[in-house]
């Protein structure tokens, strides 16, 4: 089992940047593949980004809405996954969740993830 704790959310202006962190417990962090999802008020939780964890850095995949603005990365030594967000827009406002799965490769569906963090709020003002 793995426990996930997100941090780094906050209030930022349109065009600003934030970096979210997701710290995972457990000694087998590198065997999980990781993802970020978000949920805006009144909307379904949606995929944002995913990374396949390998010793030399894994493949990544992004939702079209964030491609070119967001970057997912990880550091096995710190058991942490990051989501660097640049050029933020008001429509990026949501609670952002970190998730982990043992399924192979990058995963983009909610049901494919086994463990979830509690979420961190990101608010982008116009």
Foldseek 3Di string as FASTA:
>chain_A
DKAKAKDWADEAAQQAKTKMKIAIDDLPLLLKKKFKWWDDPPDDIFGAKIFRRDPVGTDMDGDPVQPPFWDWGDDSVRNMIMIIGGSDHQVVWTWMKMFIANDGDTDTDPVRTDYIYPTDTHGYHD
